[in-house]
Amino acid sequence: MMNKLLFATALSALTLPALADEGMWMLTDLKRQNEVAMQELGLLIPADSIYNPDGIALKDAVVHFGGGCTGEVISAEGLVLTNHHCGYGAIQQHSSVEHDYLTDGFWAMNRQEELPCRGLTITFIDRILDVSEYVQQQLKKDSDPQGTNYLSPKYLAKVCERFLKDQNITLGKGGKAELKAFYGGNRHYLFLKTEYSDIRMVGAPPSSIGKFGADTDNWMWPRHTGDFSLFRIYADRDGQPAAYSPDNQPLHVKKHLRISLDGYKEGDFAFVMGFPGRNWRYMIADEVEERMQTTNFMRHHVRDARQRVLMEQMLKDDAVRIHYASKYASSANYWKNAIGMNEGLVRLHVLDTKRAQQEALLAHGRQTGDTTYQAAFNRIQAIVKQRRPALYHQQAIQEALVTALDFMRIPNTSALTTALKNKDKTAIQAATDSLIVAADKYFASIPYPEVEKLVGKEMLRTYAQYIPEEQRIGIFQVIDRRFKGDTDAFIDACFKYSIFGSQENFDKFIRKPKLYKLTGDWMVLFKYSITDGLLQTAIAMMDANRDYDNAHKTWVKGMMDMRQADGKPIYPDANSTLRLTYGKVASYEPADGAVYEYQTTLDGVMQKEDPTNWEFVVPDRLKQLWQAKDFGRYALEDGRMPVCFIVDTDNTGGNSGSPVFNARGELIGTAFDRNYEGLTGDIAFRPSSQRAACVDIRYTLFIIEKYAGAKHLIDELSIAD
């Protein structure tokens, strides 16, 4: 009886709440799983208007922006709206001290002024196919000595090719096909895509608007940031994807979004479509604890040390600030995420929740006589215990010596080393020519070696602080022997003597390359040592992780079966594929006696203004518009200017830039962040405290029209009467 009661109680924690707003839903399942629940909550359009495998729907205006964010097409001529922080790298790419678009913003006043963005892509999802049965058939036919074909990207790519051939599917220009595993490998979906590579920057507000609040406000609510930017997709004269050419034309899209200026009120239905990156809802408690003590711990402490060094240098020199701006922002984003997640996991007793959930499944297995759940659970527990030391060390190497050290991206010298050993003149010449090209790119990417030195010294000290002497990577033996343990002296020697320490050093070496100079080069030895450290930790975890995938697959299937047995819909963990999440506009209580309202206005920007703090500087033009109440048709009924709002949808990283729709499927905002109290959502969703922060579309249009004077862009849009 107690087992049954425990099972029923914990099952309610596993299944969806009455509001049914938890979930990153597969679009292919909306009609069958979610349409009725969404309409009961307020949806006024059929699911076929959102996703239609046989026709055009809202899905066709939602794009994968740059591979890591989401965007939405908002005009018939390929205008794409996303976040300012999603476009940050492109804005930085075009910025210089003379044209500082990060500080001043950028607005193309005609098509000729739109700036091509090197390396940026925008991808449409054309079709989504559930090919689980086909994959199962192939798995039975093919040999699988490791027993992991169902997760192997290499194997799934082969199966994808077979499927396309069997179904006579031909990929057109820019066409791509991707077969991915879901639910721990229990299901498989195929995504047919079209990728465009001629993407041009159209508009971006200054960082004082697009990044207002910066690190202080990041992951917090209330927010007052205009986190948006605009880009345009270009294609050849036939409308096909093509590399940049001045002859290319704006893409005439098959679907763009209609915009509503009606706004929203507390409790209004809303839904979001986008490409959430990763979450881990099916972890057992031991895995959550491991995440807290390894990945999150290192992100917190290592990035904190690096960012202090970078910020000090960035504030001294505008050129340094522009160069490191995107890297700093990327680092700081998940630095604060790691801190907030760990705090939330403790505060909300998530480990206790996870233990209750896993006990429910284990009890279910005992009641039904199914021992596979217990066996899978035991195996995962043992694996986590065995791999934790290696994972901790790997994360230290990754954060301190890989992610943090740009100067460790030195070119590969193995080809020249081999050629010099063999004394092969032809090979030496070819390797030398190749290395010169690679070195040119490398030195262009490291324009501030003095900053790199400072970061390198801090990172070696930080790494040594967390890793015991006997476990450190091999280069520390060299540092101890040749530099008497002085890591600062070692970094100085790298830049003074290494062939990659300066352009002059490299030029001198390349005129007459010698084998001994390569094999004894400090930077080359340092990089090899880092690579070896990663290899050794990977080997240690490979041994520990043996059978993890199969155990995890069994565990996830058990979770799925439990939910379905209770008549509840299911959803897979996020994996950067197109999903939908729905809920409502909702305030929340972060703590006893405190309430955070669902909307902010421009009044709050002025209240936060601090001219002495770069994070809270307000542009004069924006203050003038606020003082004059010159908000046009974008103001609230009471005359205030809306800025941001929150919804209780199930978002995560990758949803940045996602369109936020009202009940009629009209665009009302752009998702850009989550709240601090909801950072545990990647592991356990809590609708009472998790919120997605969104830029109100009216604030976006106000900035474009009134602040930037770019009304020609407004004229492109379809705005509901």
Foldseek 3Di string as FASTA:
>chain_A
DVLVVLLVVLLQQLFDDPLNQDFFFDLVCCQPAPQVSLVVLPFDDGSCQDPPQVDDHQLQQWKQKQLFAIWGQFFLLFKIKFFQLSCVVQLLVPAAPVRHCQAAKDADLDPVSWAWGPSIKIKGFNHKFWCFVLVVVVVVVDDDVQPCLLADQVNVVVSQVVVCVVVVNDADFQWDKGWHAFLLSNTIMITIMHMARGKTWHIDHHCCASQFLPLNCFQAPPDFHPGMGMMFTWDAPVLHHDHDDPRTGRHRGPDHFAAELPFADASFKKKWKFFFAFFAQLDALLVVVLCLLAQLVLLQPLLVLLLVLQVVVCVVDVRSCSLCVSLNSVSSNVNLLSVLQNVLCVVVVVNVSRNSNLSSLVSVCVVVVNCLLVVLVVLVNQLSVQLSVLRRLLSLLCRLPNSRQLLLVQDDQVQCLVCQVVVPVVSNVVSLVVNVVRLVVSCVSCVDLVSNLVSNQSSVVVSPVPDPPVLDFPVQVVCCVVVVNRSSVLSVCLLPAACSNDVVSVVVCSVPPDNVNQVPRSSNVSSVRSVVSNVVSVVSSVVSCRCNSVSSSSSSVSSVVSNVVVVGDDHTTRRRDMTMGIFTFHWAAPDPPDIRHFWDFVVVLVVQADCVDPSNHDDPLSVVCQVVLVLPSNADPVSTHTFKGKTLHQHHGNQRNIFMAGSNRHGFWGWHHKHSSQSNSSHRGDSRGIITMTTGVSVVVSCCCVVVVSCVVVVSGNYDD
